[in-house]
């Protein structure tokens, strides 16, 4: 079966600053292997992407190394309201970190939130990491400033019901959910391997996400690789690799009747394109074998992470081939386009 090229609006390429975890080459290779032909990278790198200079540096690295097409977010900081605005047209959007996450970009003062909400162009994506009461406050801020807001990785029953209520009132809210919050609970992974933000929820949380599928605009991996040594260490960083496992998991859900193929394509393609103003790619598609059965094993993945939270899971559906802008970019486990073949989206 042929699918359109898929889009992941939430990935961490770890470059600059942490290329032992991932870089633009390995991360976009993982994207192609997972059926993604366009990805949007988060700004909590080392240093973070806060202005035109750091944005240009990230794009320069991507231009040299990326195998698939890409965009780069700016991060909302304590003192970059004006400088971020100057680079808005070149970015994938502005990311606000309003709860604990990996990196130094958390914004605590609501006056800072308000400044970014007011300043950032309403036609450019504004994305928030917000949980619990912070999520409700972010929705209120969007209502007060009459602007669209996209909520990253909604993970709990409480939060998805708040999003539903906001949408029912006609607020300009969209949201994404990750595979790990749809398929895993806090009982599935122990110790550092289970560290992720938002945290894995209960079975009740997982059920609520599936029950409110109509509220979920898109699926996003939040691909956030760390090494096994880091995850098993004394201070394990939060995050899971996910680019190569998302599509097999969702194809398995289609096989089991939990999703339709239209659900999958809309939430990994069409809806993402609309929310993030992403251009169409000509002559691009993904060939999947819907009947093939495979087992997820980290040693077959292209990511540098070297582990997967879904290790040993049996899935139905395999990516056989990816064509990107008329050229076969991936086929039967092999990346066939060189670093630098990927093009900038923004």
C-alpha atoms as a PDB file:
ATOM      1  CA  UNK A   1       0.000   0.000   0.000  1.00  0.00           C
ATOM      2  CA  UNK A   2       1.208   3.511  -0.777  1.00  0.00           C
ATOM      3  CA  UNK A   3       0.864   6.321   1.773  1.00  0.00           C
ATOM      4  CA  UNK A   4       1.793   9.975   1.361  1.00  0.00           C
ATOM      5  CA  UNK A   5       5.035  11.131   2.912  1.00  0.00           C
ATOM      6  CA  UNK A   6       4.425  11.461   6.647  1.00  0.00           C
ATOM      7  CA  UNK A   7       5.294  14.462   8.815  1.00  0.00           C
ATOM      8  CA  UNK A   8       6.577  14.477  12.386  1.00  0.00           C
ATOM      9  CA  UNK A   9       6.118  17.937  13.945  1.00  0.00           C
ATOM     10  CA  UNK A  10       8.039  17.115  17.137  1.00  0.00           C
ATOM     11  CA  UNK A  11      11.557  15.654  17.033  1.00  0.00           C
ATOM     12  CA  UNK A  12      14.813  16.304  18.853  1.00  0.00           C
ATOM     13  CA  UNK A  13      17.855  16.045  16.602  1.00  0.00           C
ATOM     14  CA  UNK A  14      20.262  16.880  19.481  1.00  0.00           C
ATOM     15  CA  UNK A  15      22.455  18.960  17.184  1.00  0.00           C
ATOM     16  CA  UNK A  16      24.191  21.192  18.058  1.00  0.00           C
ATOM     17  CA  UNK A  17      25.635  20.104  21.368  1.00  0.00           C
ATOM     18  CA  UNK A  18      24.782  16.441  21.945  1.00  0.00           C
ATOM     19  CA  UNK A  19      25.658  14.561  18.780  1.00  0.00           C
ATOM     20  CA  UNK A  20      26.568  11.428  20.732  1.00  0.00           C
ATOM     21  CA  UNK A  21      22.789  11.023  21.232  1.00  0.00           C
ATOM     22  CA  UNK A  22      21.702  11.947  17.682  1.00  0.00           C
ATOM     23  CA  UNK A  23      22.584  14.312  14.860  1.00  0.00           C
ATOM     24  CA  UNK A  24      20.887  15.578  11.728  1.00  0.00           C
ATOM     25  CA  UNK A  25      22.212  12.663   9.679  1.00  0.00           C
ATOM     26  CA  UNK A  26      21.256   9.806  11.991  1.00  0.00           C
ATOM     27  CA  UNK A  27      17.981  11.430  13.048  1.00  0.00           C
ATOM     28  CA  UNK A  28      16.737  12.054   9.518  1.00  0.00           C
ATOM     29  CA  UNK A  29      17.861   8.568   8.478  1.00  0.00           C
ATOM     30  CA  UNK A  30      15.662   7.263  11.293  1.00  0.00           C
ATOM     31  CA  UNK A  31      12.855   9.485  10.011  1.00  0.00           C
ATOM     32  CA  UNK A  32      13.014   8.023   6.499  1.00  0.00           C
ATOM     33  CA  UNK A  33      13.137   4.487   7.886  1.00  0.00           C
ATOM     34  CA  UNK A  34       9.965   5.328   9.792  1.00  0.00           C
ATOM     35  CA  UNK A  35       8.153   6.714   6.746  1.00  0.00           C
ATOM     36  CA  UNK A  36       8.624  10.394   7.622  1.00  0.00           C
ATOM     37  CA  UNK A  37       9.712  12.669   4.797  1.00  0.00           C
ATOM     38  CA  UNK A  38       9.403  15.943   6.734  1.00  0.00           C
ATOM     39  CA  UNK A  39      10.336  16.654  10.360  1.00  0.00           C
ATOM     40  CA  UNK A  40      10.267  19.704  12.630  1.00  0.00           C
ATOM     41  CA  UNK A  41      13.101  19.908  15.172  1.00  0.00           C
ATOM     42  CA  UNK A  42      12.789  21.281  18.689  1.00  0.00           C
ATOM     43  CA  UNK A  43      14.999  24.138  19.967  1.00  0.00           C
ATOM     44  CA  UNK A  44      16.272  22.794  23.317  1.00  0.00           C
ATOM     45  CA  UNK A  45      19.722  22.052  21.936  1.00  0.00           C
ATOM     46  CA  UNK A  46      23.089  23.106  23.388  1.00  0.00           C
ATOM     47  CA  UNK A  47      23.056  26.062  22.925  1.00  0.00           C
ATOM     48  CA  UNK A  48      19.314  26.508  22.479  1.00  0.00           C
ATOM     49  CA  UNK A  49      17.873  27.982  19.282  1.00  0.00           C
ATOM     50  CA  UNK A  50      16.745  31.450  20.401  1.00  0.00           C
ATOM     51  CA  UNK A  51      17.483  33.919  17.610  1.00  0.00           C
ATOM     52  CA  UNK A  52      18.394  34.259  13.951  1.00  0.00           C
ATOM     53  CA  UNK A  53      22.068  33.448  14.504  1.00  0.00           C
ATOM     54  CA  UNK A  54      21.428  30.174  16.343  1.00  0.00           C
ATOM     55  CA  UNK A  55      18.624  29.303  13.907  1.00  0.00           C
ATOM     56  CA  UNK A  56      20.938  29.825  10.935  1.00  0.00           C
ATOM     57  CA  UNK A  57      23.566  27.653  12.605  1.00  0.00           C
ATOM     58  CA  UNK A  58      21.075  24.811  13.046  1.00  0.00           C
ATOM     59  CA  UNK A  59      19.957  25.141   9.432  1.00  0.00           C
ATOM     60  CA  UNK A  60      23.560  25.112   8.269  1.00  0.00           C
ATOM     61  CA  UNK A  61      24.158  21.816  10.072  1.00  0.00           C
ATOM     62  CA  UNK A  62      20.947  20.352   8.689  1.00  0.00           C
ATOM     63  CA  UNK A  63      21.809  21.451   5.139  1.00  0.00           C
ATOM     64  CA  UNK A  64      25.025  19.436   5.343  1.00  0.00           C
ATOM     65  CA  UNK A  65      23.570  16.303   6.917  1.00  0.00           C
ATOM     66  CA  UNK A  66      19.802  15.883   6.607  1.00  0.00           C
ATOM     67  CA  UNK A  67      18.448  13.007   4.510  1.00  0.00           C
ATOM     68  CA  UNK A  68      14.806  14.170   4.641  1.00  0.00           C
ATOM     69  CA  UNK A  69      13.169  17.609   4.600  1.00  0.00           C
ATOM     70  CA  UNK A  70      13.196  19.639   7.801  1.00  0.00           C
ATOM     71  CA  UNK A  71      12.238  22.738   9.728  1.00  0.00           C
ATOM     72  CA  UNK A  72      13.607  24.145  12.976  1.00  0.00           C
ATOM     73  CA  UNK A  73      11.684  25.724  15.850  1.00  0.00           C
ATOM     74  CA  UNK A  74      12.785  28.733  17.849  1.00  0.00           C
ATOM     75  CA  UNK A  75      12.579  28.560  21.626  1.00  0.00           C
ATOM     76  CA  UNK A  76      10.762  31.137  23.747  1.00  0.00           C
ATOM     77  CA  UNK A  77      13.196  32.517  26.322  1.00  0.00           C
ATOM     78  CA  UNK A  78      13.104  35.084  29.072  1.00  0.00           C
ATOM     79  CA  UNK A  79      14.588  37.869  26.965  1.00  0.00           C
ATOM     80  CA  UNK A  80      14.133  36.994  23.277  1.00  0.00           C
ATOM     81  CA  UNK A  81      10.621  38.253  22.486  1.00  0.00           C
ATOM     82  CA  UNK A  82      11.916  40.735  19.914  1.00  0.00           C
ATOM     83  CA  UNK A  83      14.814  38.690  18.542  1.00  0.00           C
ATOM     84  CA  UNK A  84      12.627  35.607  18.042  1.00  0.00           C
ATOM     85  CA  UNK A  85      10.104  37.710  16.154  1.00  0.00           C
ATOM     86  CA  UNK A  86      12.789  38.799  13.683  1.00  0.00           C
ATOM     87  CA  UNK A  87      13.401  35.157  12.744  1.00  0.00           C
ATOM     88  CA  UNK A  88       9.750  34.049  12.719  1.00  0.00           C
ATOM     89  CA  UNK A  89       9.469  33.610   8.934  1.00  0.00           C
ATOM     90  CA  UNK A  90      12.480  31.281   8.833  1.00  0.00           C
ATOM     91  CA  UNK A  91      11.343  29.055  11.695  1.00  0.00           C
ATOM     92  CA  UNK A  92       8.944  26.135  12.005  1.00  0.00           C
ATOM     93  CA  UNK A  93       7.283  27.982  14.879  1.00  0.00           C
ATOM     94  CA  UNK A  94       7.891  29.119  18.446  1.00  0.00           C
ATOM     95  CA  UNK A  95       8.075  26.552  21.260  1.00  0.00           C
ATOM     96  CA  UNK A  96       7.220  27.492  24.839  1.00  0.00           C
ATOM     97  CA  UNK A  97       8.344  25.142  27.597  1.00  0.00           C
ATOM     98  CA  UNK A  98       5.940  25.749  30.481  1.00  0.00           C
ATOM     99  CA  UNK A  99       6.656  22.584  32.482  1.00  0.00           C
ATOM    100  CA  UNK A 100       9.735  20.572  33.399  1.00  0.00           C
ATOM    101  CA  UNK A 101      11.569  19.098  30.435  1.00  0.00           C
ATOM    102  CA  UNK A 102      15.060  18.436  29.123  1.00  0.00           C
ATOM    103  CA  UNK A 103      17.124  21.619  28.803  1.00  0.00           C
ATOM    104  CA  UNK A 104      17.135  25.197  30.118  1.00  0.00           C
ATOM    105  CA  UNK A 105      14.174  26.774  28.322  1.00  0.00           C
ATOM    106  CA  UNK A 106      11.398  26.538  30.923  1.00  0.00           C
ATOM    107  CA  UNK A 107       9.384  29.753  31.338  1.00  0.00           C
ATOM    108  CA  UNK A 108       7.886  30.199  34.802  1.00  0.00           C
ATOM    109  CA  UNK A 109       6.609  33.805  34.781  1.00  0.00           C
ATOM    110  CA  UNK A 110       3.224  34.182  33.118  1.00  0.00           C
ATOM    111  CA  UNK A 111       4.143  37.726  32.132  1.00  0.00           C
ATOM    112  CA  UNK A 112       6.770  36.165  29.871  1.00  0.00           C
ATOM    113  CA  UNK A 113       4.180  33.813  28.408  1.00  0.00           C
ATOM    114  CA  UNK A 114       1.931  36.782  27.693  1.00  0.00           C
ATOM    115  CA  UNK A 115       4.697  38.722  25.984  1.00  0.00           C
ATOM    116  CA  UNK A 116       5.371  35.835  23.580  1.00  0.00           C
ATOM    117  CA  UNK A 117       1.660  35.139  23.011  1.00  0.00           C
ATOM    118  CA  UNK A 118       1.107  38.778  22.077  1.00  0.00           C
ATOM    119  CA  UNK A 119       4.228  39.233  19.978  1.00  0.00           C
ATOM    120  CA  UNK A 120       4.406  36.025  17.950  1.00  0.00           C
ATOM    121  CA  UNK A 121       2.569  36.315  14.593  1.00  0.00           C
ATOM    122  CA  UNK A 122      -0.837  34.660  14.696  1.00  0.00           C
ATOM    123  CA  UNK A 123      -0.265  33.012  11.328  1.00  0.00           C
ATOM    124  CA  UNK A 124       2.905  31.259  12.560  1.00  0.00           C
ATOM    125  CA  UNK A 125       2.685  28.128  14.751  1.00  0.00           C
ATOM    126  CA  UNK A 126       2.898  28.639  18.520  1.00  0.00           C
ATOM    127  CA  UNK A 127       3.485  25.371  20.405  1.00  0.00           C
ATOM    128  CA  UNK A 128       3.453  24.790  24.153  1.00  0.00           C
ATOM    129  CA  UNK A 129       4.715  22.032  26.399  1.00  0.00           C
ATOM    130  CA  UNK A 130       2.094  22.398  29.109  1.00  0.00           C
ATOM    131  CA  UNK A 131       0.652  19.925  31.588  1.00  0.00           C
ATOM    132  CA  UNK A 132      -2.162  19.969  34.147  1.00  0.00           C
ATOM    133  CA  UNK A 133      -2.954  23.418  35.506  1.00  0.00           C
ATOM    134  CA  UNK A 134      -0.285  24.890  33.234  1.00  0.00           C
ATOM    135  CA  UNK A 135      -2.122  23.492  30.215  1.00  0.00           C
ATOM    136  CA  UNK A 136      -5.345  25.125  31.364  1.00  0.00           C
ATOM    137  CA  UNK A 137      -3.491  28.409  31.885  1.00  0.00           C
ATOM    138  CA  UNK A 138      -1.940  28.222  28.409  1.00  0.00           C
ATOM    139  CA  UNK A 139      -5.392  27.691  26.876  1.00  0.00           C
ATOM    140  CA  UNK A 140      -6.651  30.711  28.815  1.00  0.00           C
ATOM    141  CA  UNK A 141      -3.706  32.760  27.523  1.00  0.00           C
ATOM    142  CA  UNK A 142      -4.575  31.758  23.959  1.00  0.00           C
ATOM    143  CA  UNK A 143      -8.170  32.810  24.532  1.00  0.00           C
ATOM    144  CA  UNK A 144      -7.144  36.171  26.042  1.00  0.00           C
ATOM    145  CA  UNK A 145      -4.873  36.931  23.090  1.00  0.00           C
ATOM    146  CA  UNK A 146      -7.281  35.445  20.509  1.00  0.00           C
ATOM    147  CA  UNK A 147      -4.643  33.337  18.833  1.00  0.00           C
ATOM    148  CA  UNK A 148      -4.138  29.693  17.793  1.00  0.00           C
ATOM    149  CA  UNK A 149      -2.142  27.434  20.114  1.00  0.00           C
ATOM    150  CA  UNK A 150      -0.877  23.909  19.542  1.00  0.00           C
ATOM    151  CA  UNK A 151      -0.406  21.733  22.613  1.00  0.00           C
ATOM    152  CA  UNK A 152       2.453  19.240  22.468  1.00  0.00           C
ATOM    153  CA  UNK A 153       2.239  15.640  23.701  1.00  0.00           C
ATOM    154  CA  UNK A 154      -1.053  15.682  25.631  1.00  0.00           C
ATOM    155  CA  UNK A 155      -0.770  12.678  27.918  1.00  0.00           C
ATOM    156  CA  UNK A 156      -3.465  12.402  30.592  1.00  0.00           C
ATOM    157  CA  UNK A 157      -7.208  11.978  30.928  1.00  0.00           C
ATOM    158  CA  UNK A 158      -7.429  15.316  32.696  1.00  0.00           C
ATOM    159  CA  UNK A 159      -5.599  17.168  29.948  1.00  0.00           C
ATOM    160  CA  UNK A 160      -7.418  15.638  26.980  1.00  0.00           C
ATOM    161  CA  UNK A 161     -10.758  16.465  28.594  1.00  0.00           C
ATOM    162  CA  UNK A 162      -9.662  20.090  29.093  1.00  0.00           C
ATOM    163  CA  UNK A 163      -8.631  20.218  25.430  1.00  0.00           C
ATOM    164  CA  UNK A 164     -12.011  18.787  24.459  1.00  0.00           C
ATOM    165  CA  UNK A 165     -13.803  21.447  26.513  1.00  0.00           C
ATOM    166  CA  UNK A 166     -11.711  24.197  24.922  1.00  0.00           C
ATOM    167  CA  UNK A 167     -12.506  22.956  21.428  1.00  0.00           C
ATOM    168  CA  UNK A 168     -16.200  22.695  22.253  1.00  0.00           C
ATOM    169  CA  UNK A 169     -16.102  26.399  23.179  1.00  0.00           C
ATOM    170  CA  UNK A 170     -14.593  27.204  19.796  1.00  0.00           C
ATOM    171  CA  UNK A 171     -11.124  28.124  21.020  1.00  0.00           C
ATOM    172  CA  UNK A 172      -8.298  27.891  18.477  1.00  0.00           C
ATOM    173  CA  UNK A 173      -6.632  24.896  20.104  1.00  0.00           C
ATOM    174  CA  UNK A 174      -4.998  21.918  18.430  1.00  0.00           C
ATOM    175  CA  UNK A 175      -3.075  19.086  20.044  1.00  0.00           C
ATOM    176  CA  UNK A 176      -0.834  16.107  19.448  1.00  0.00           C
ATOM    177  CA  UNK A 177      -0.357  12.785  21.249  1.00  0.00           C
ATOM    178  CA  UNK A 178       2.706  10.533  21.148  1.00  0.00           C
ATOM    179  CA  UNK A 179       2.823   6.793  20.501  1.00  0.00           C
ATOM    180  CA  UNK A 180       4.363   6.164  23.912  1.00  0.00           C
ATOM    181  CA  UNK A 181       1.452   7.858  25.674  1.00  0.00           C
ATOM    182  CA  UNK A 182      -1.009   5.846  23.586  1.00  0.00           C
ATOM    183  CA  UNK A 183       0.655   2.454  23.920  1.00  0.00           C
ATOM    184  CA  UNK A 184       2.570   2.469  27.236  1.00  0.00           C
ATOM    185  CA  UNK A 185       1.675   3.033  30.887  1.00  0.00           C
ATOM    186  CA  UNK A 186       3.780   3.842  33.918  1.00  0.00           C
ATOM    187  CA  UNK A 187       3.856   0.112  34.726  1.00  0.00           C
ATOM    188  CA  UNK A 188       5.560  -0.879  31.476  1.00  0.00           C
ATOM    189  CA  UNK A 189       9.011   0.679  31.964  1.00  0.00           C
ATOM    190  CA  UNK A 190      10.911   0.916  35.219  1.00  0.00           C
ATOM    191  CA  UNK A 191      13.788   3.111  36.357  1.00  0.00           C
ATOM    192  CA  UNK A 192      15.522   5.516  34.028  1.00  0.00           C
ATOM    193  CA  UNK A 193      14.232   3.797  30.907  1.00  0.00           C
ATOM    194  CA  UNK A 194      10.758   5.018  31.856  1.00  0.00           C
ATOM    195  CA  UNK A 195      11.751   8.662  32.350  1.00  0.00           C
ATOM    196  CA  UNK A 196       9.905  10.901  29.905  1.00  0.00           C
ATOM    197  CA  UNK A 197       8.055  14.226  30.005  1.00  0.00           C
ATOM    198  CA  UNK A 198       5.132  14.248  30.243  1.00  0.00           C
ATOM    199  CA  UNK A 199       5.408  11.125  32.358  1.00  0.00           C
ATOM    200  CA  UNK A 200       3.765   7.906  31.264  1.00  0.00           C
ATOM    201  CA  UNK A 201       0.238   7.718  32.609  1.00  0.00           C
ATOM    202  CA  UNK A 202      -2.106   5.138  34.019  1.00  0.00           C
ATOM    203  CA  UNK A 203      -4.260   2.717  32.067  1.00  0.00           C
ATOM    204  CA  UNK A 204      -7.102   5.170  32.649  1.00  0.00           C
ATOM    205  CA  UNK A 205      -5.087   7.911  30.960  1.00  0.00           C
ATOM    206  CA  UNK A 206      -4.289   5.698  27.970  1.00  0.00           C
ATOM    207  CA  UNK A 207      -7.931   4.673  27.606  1.00  0.00           C
ATOM    208  CA  UNK A 208      -9.049   8.304  27.764  1.00  0.00           C
ATOM    209  CA  UNK A 209      -6.699   9.258  24.935  1.00  0.00           C
ATOM    210  CA  UNK A 210      -8.077   6.499  22.715  1.00  0.00           C
ATOM    211  CA  UNK A 211     -11.655   7.359  23.686  1.00  0.00           C
ATOM    212  CA  UNK A 212     -11.048  10.977  22.675  1.00  0.00           C
ATOM    213  CA  UNK A 213      -9.332  10.271  19.373  1.00  0.00           C
ATOM    214  CA  UNK A 214     -11.590  12.830  17.677  1.00  0.00           C
ATOM    215  CA  UNK A 215      -9.984  15.543  19.839  1.00  0.00           C
ATOM    216  CA  UNK A 216      -6.437  14.576  18.807  1.00  0.00           C
ATOM    217  CA  UNK A 217      -5.351  16.502  15.710  1.00  0.00           C
ATOM    218  CA  UNK A 218      -2.060  14.746  15.074  1.00  0.00           C
ATOM    219  CA  UNK A 219       0.390  12.119  16.225  1.00  0.00           C
ATOM    220  CA  UNK A 220       3.950  13.221  16.970  1.00  0.00           C
ATOM    221  CA  UNK A 221       6.787  11.011  18.146  1.00  0.00           C
ATOM    222  CA  UNK A 222       8.612  13.490  20.410  1.00  0.00           C
ATOM    223  CA  UNK A 223      11.672  11.534  19.270  1.00  0.00           C
ATOM    224  CA  UNK A 224      14.064  12.381  22.116  1.00  0.00           C
ATOM    225  CA  UNK A 225      17.089  10.069  22.023  1.00  0.00           C
ATOM    226  CA  UNK A 226      19.478   9.498  24.911  1.00  0.00           C
ATOM    227  CA  UNK A 227      22.033   6.715  25.199  1.00  0.00           C
ATOM    228  CA  UNK A 228      21.392   3.547  27.232  1.00  0.00           C
ATOM    229  CA  UNK A 229      24.213   4.589  29.589  1.00  0.00           C
ATOM    230  CA  UNK A 230      22.506   7.926  30.242  1.00  0.00           C
ATOM    231  CA  UNK A 231      19.094   6.343  30.749  1.00  0.00           C
ATOM    232  CA  UNK A 232      20.527   3.771  33.161  1.00  0.00           C
ATOM    233  CA  UNK A 233      22.639   6.322  35.057  1.00  0.00           C
ATOM    234  CA  UNK A 234      22.111   8.064  38.371  1.00  0.00           C
ATOM    235  CA  UNK A 235      20.321  11.062  36.812  1.00  0.00           C
ATOM    236  CA  UNK A 236      18.479   9.685  33.759  1.00  0.00           C
ATOM    237  CA  UNK A 237      17.337  12.356  31.278  1.00  0.00           C
ATOM    238  CA  UNK A 238      13.723  12.234  30.066  1.00  0.00           C
ATOM    239  CA  UNK A 239      12.928  11.108  26.562  1.00  0.00           C
ATOM    240  CA  UNK A 240      12.423   8.148  24.220  1.00  0.00           C
ATOM    241  CA  UNK A 241      13.500   7.484  20.619  1.00  0.00           C
ATOM    242  CA  UNK A 242      10.449   6.966  18.431  1.00  0.00           C
ATOM    243  CA  UNK A 243      10.809   7.878  14.764  1.00  0.00           C
ATOM    244  CA  UNK A 244      11.213   4.309  13.537  1.00  0.00           C
ATOM    245  CA  UNK A 245       8.588   2.651  15.721  1.00  0.00           C
ATOM    246  CA  UNK A 246       5.613   5.030  15.392  1.00  0.00           C
ATOM    247  CA  UNK A 247       4.271   3.909  12.024  1.00  0.00           C
ATOM    248  CA  UNK A 248       4.522   0.156  12.758  1.00  0.00           C
ATOM    249  CA  UNK A 249       2.669   0.725  16.037  1.00  0.00           C
ATOM    250  CA  UNK A 250      -0.099   2.696  14.344  1.00  0.00           C
ATOM    251  CA  UNK A 251      -0.347   0.220  11.459  1.00  0.00           C
ATOM    252  CA  UNK A 252      -0.775  -2.490  14.074  1.00  0.00           C
ATOM    253  CA  UNK A 253      -3.574  -0.433  15.637  1.00  0.00           C
ATOM    254  CA  UNK A 254      -5.198  -0.225  12.183  1.00  0.00           C
ATOM    255  CA  UNK A 255      -4.913  -4.008  11.830  1.00  0.00           C
ATOM    256  CA  UNK A 256      -6.555  -4.407  15.248  1.00  0.00           C
ATOM    257  CA  UNK A 257      -9.402  -2.042  14.375  1.00  0.00           C
ATOM    258  CA  UNK A 258      -8.430   0.688  16.822  1.00  0.00           C
ATOM    259  CA  UNK A 259      -7.699   3.156  14.011  1.00  0.00           C
ATOM    260  CA  UNK A 260      -8.696   3.506  10.395  1.00  0.00           C
ATOM    261  CA  UNK A 261      -6.138   4.191   7.694  1.00  0.00           C
ATOM    262  CA  UNK A 262      -7.751   7.615   7.243  1.00  0.00           C
ATOM    263  CA  UNK A 263      -7.211   8.295  10.953  1.00  0.00           C
ATOM    264  CA  UNK A 264      -3.535   7.499  10.506  1.00  0.00           C
ATOM    265  CA  UNK A 265      -2.985   9.520   7.332  1.00  0.00           C
ATOM    266  CA  UNK A 266      -4.850  12.549   8.668  1.00  0.00           C
ATOM    267  CA  UNK A 267      -2.959  12.621  11.950  1.00  0.00           C
ATOM    268  CA  UNK A 268       0.458  11.898  10.464  1.00  0.00           C
ATOM    269  CA  UNK A 269       0.017  13.925   7.305  1.00  0.00           C
ATOM    270  CA  UNK A 270      -2.892  16.149   6.316  1.00  0.00           C
ATOM    271  CA  UNK A 271      -3.670  17.667   9.715  1.00  0.00           C
ATOM    272  CA  UNK A 272      -0.002  18.277  10.482  1.00  0.00           C
ATOM    273  CA  UNK A 273       0.419  20.039   7.159  1.00  0.00           C
ATOM    274  CA  UNK A 274      -2.513  22.358   7.868  1.00  0.00           C
ATOM    275  CA  UNK A 275      -1.553  23.216  11.451  1.00  0.00           C
ATOM    276  CA  UNK A 276       2.107  23.890  10.724  1.00  0.00           C
ATOM    277  CA  UNK A 277       1.696  25.445   7.254  1.00  0.00           C
ATOM    278  CA  UNK A 278       3.958  22.815   5.674  1.00  0.00           C
ATOM    279  CA  UNK A 279       4.233  22.723   1.872  1.00  0.00           C
ATOM    280  CA  UNK A 280       3.375  19.611  -0.104  1.00  0.00           C
ATOM    281  CA  UNK A 281       6.217  17.507  -1.482  1.00  0.00           C
ATOM    282  CA  UNK A 282       5.995  16.516  -5.142  1.00  0.00           C
ATOM    283  CA  UNK A 283       6.544  12.898  -6.194  1.00  0.00           C
ATOM    284  CA  UNK A 284       6.767  11.669  -2.597  1.00  0.00           C
ATOM    285  CA  UNK A 285       5.268   8.586  -0.968  1.00  0.00           C
ATOM    286  CA  UNK A 286       5.768   5.648   1.377  1.00  0.00           C
ATOM    287  CA  UNK A 287       5.222   2.017   0.417  1.00  0.00           C
ATOM    288  CA  UNK A 288       4.189  -0.188   3.345  1.00  0.00           C
ATOM    289  CA  UNK A 289       3.601  -3.922   3.523  1.00  0.00           C
ATOM    290  CA  UNK A 290       0.484  -4.152   5.661  1.00  0.00           C
ATOM    291  CA  UNK A 291       0.729  -7.905   6.204  1.00  0.00           C
ATOM    292  CA  UNK A 292       4.405  -8.150   7.171  1.00  0.00           C
ATOM    293  CA  UNK A 293       5.052  -9.005  10.807  1.00  0.00           C
ATOM    294  CA  UNK A 294       8.207  -7.800  12.524  1.00  0.00           C
ATOM    295  CA  UNK A 295       9.705  -7.451  15.980  1.00  0.00           C
ATOM    296  CA  UNK A 296      11.053  -4.131  17.198  1.00  0.00           C
ATOM    297  CA  UNK A 297      14.729  -4.499  18.061  1.00  0.00           C
ATOM    298  CA  UNK A 298      17.072  -1.594  18.739  1.00  0.00           C
ATOM    299  CA  UNK A 299      19.982  -3.112  16.830  1.00  0.00           C
ATOM    300  CA  UNK A 300      18.086  -2.712  13.539  1.00  0.00           C
ATOM    301  CA  UNK A 301      17.269   0.984  14.053  1.00  0.00           C
ATOM    302  CA  UNK A 302      19.096   3.907  12.454  1.00  0.00           C
ATOM    303  CA  UNK A 303      18.932   6.217  15.477  1.00  0.00           C
ATOM    304  CA  UNK A 304      22.045   6.559  17.618  1.00  0.00           C
ATOM    305  CA  UNK A 305      19.942   5.967  20.740  1.00  0.00           C
ATOM    306  CA  UNK A 306      20.669   2.246  20.779  1.00  0.00           C
ATOM    307  CA  UNK A 307      17.495   1.257  22.612  1.00  0.00           C
ATOM    308  CA  UNK A 308      13.713   1.438  22.288  1.00  0.00           C
ATOM    309  CA  UNK A 309      10.902   1.541  24.861  1.00  0.00           C
ATOM    310  CA  UNK A 310       9.112  -0.927  22.566  1.00  0.00           C
ATOM    311  CA  UNK A 311      11.911  -3.493  22.443  1.00  0.00           C
ATOM    312  CA  UNK A 312      10.472  -6.910  21.638  1.00  0.00           C
ATOM    313  CA  UNK A 313       7.055  -5.669  20.554  1.00  0.00           C
ATOM    314  CA  UNK A 314       5.615  -7.569  17.597  1.00  0.00           C
ATOM    315  CA  UNK A 315       4.063  -5.259  15.014  1.00  0.00           C
ATOM    316  CA  UNK A 316       2.197  -5.702  11.750  1.00  0.00           C
ATOM    317  CA  UNK A 317       3.176  -3.397   8.925  1.00  0.00           C
ATOM    318  CA  UNK A 318       6.643  -2.633   7.546  1.00  0.00           C
ATOM    319  CA  UNK A 319       8.010   0.353   5.611  1.00  0.00           C
ATOM    320  CA  UNK A 320       9.460  -1.093   2.399  1.00  0.00           C
ATOM    321  CA  UNK A 321      10.244   2.011   0.385  1.00  0.00           C
ATOM    322  CA  UNK A 322      10.222   5.805   0.655  1.00  0.00           C
ATOM    323  CA  UNK A 323      10.342   8.050  -2.398  1.00  0.00           C
ATOM    324  CA  UNK A 324      11.238  11.674  -1.674  1.00  0.00           C
ATOM    325  CA  UNK A 325      10.853  14.230  -4.455  1.00  0.00           C
ATOM    326  CA  UNK A 326      11.081  11.568  -7.130  1.00  0.00           C
ATOM    327  CA  UNK A 327      14.107   9.734  -5.754  1.00  0.00           C
ATOM    328  CA  UNK A 328      14.109   6.475  -3.811  1.00  0.00           C
ATOM    329  CA  UNK A 329      15.385   7.611  -0.421  1.00  0.00           C
ATOM    330  CA  UNK A 330      14.888   4.389   1.564  1.00  0.00           C
ATOM    331  CA  UNK A 331      14.327   0.802   0.535  1.00  0.00           C
ATOM    332  CA  UNK A 332      14.386  -2.464   2.467  1.00  0.00           C
ATOM    333  CA  UNK A 333      16.270  -1.097   5.444  1.00  0.00           C
ATOM    334  CA  UNK A 334      18.798   1.040   3.559  1.00  0.00           C
ATOM    335  CA  UNK A 335      19.106   4.822   3.280  1.00  0.00           C
ATOM    336  CA  UNK A 336      19.740   5.587  -0.402  1.00  0.00           C
ATOM    337  CA  UNK A 337      20.066   9.385  -0.463  1.00  0.00           C
ATOM    338  CA  UNK A 338      23.190  11.170   0.782  1.00  0.00           C
ATOM    339  CA  UNK A 339      23.451  13.578   3.709  1.00  0.00           C
ATOM    340  CA  UNK A 340      22.307  16.973   2.501  1.00  0.00           C
ATOM    341  CA  UNK A 341      19.551  15.626   0.213  1.00  0.00           C
ATOM    342  CA  UNK A 342      16.951  16.983   2.636  1.00  0.00           C
ATOM    343  CA  UNK A 343      15.585  20.461   1.959  1.00  0.00           C
ATOM    344  CA  UNK A 344      14.556  23.195   4.361  1.00  0.00           C
ATOM    345  CA  UNK A 345      10.796  23.556   4.677  1.00  0.00           C
ATOM    346  CA  UNK A 346      10.611  27.103   6.070  1.00  0.00           C
END
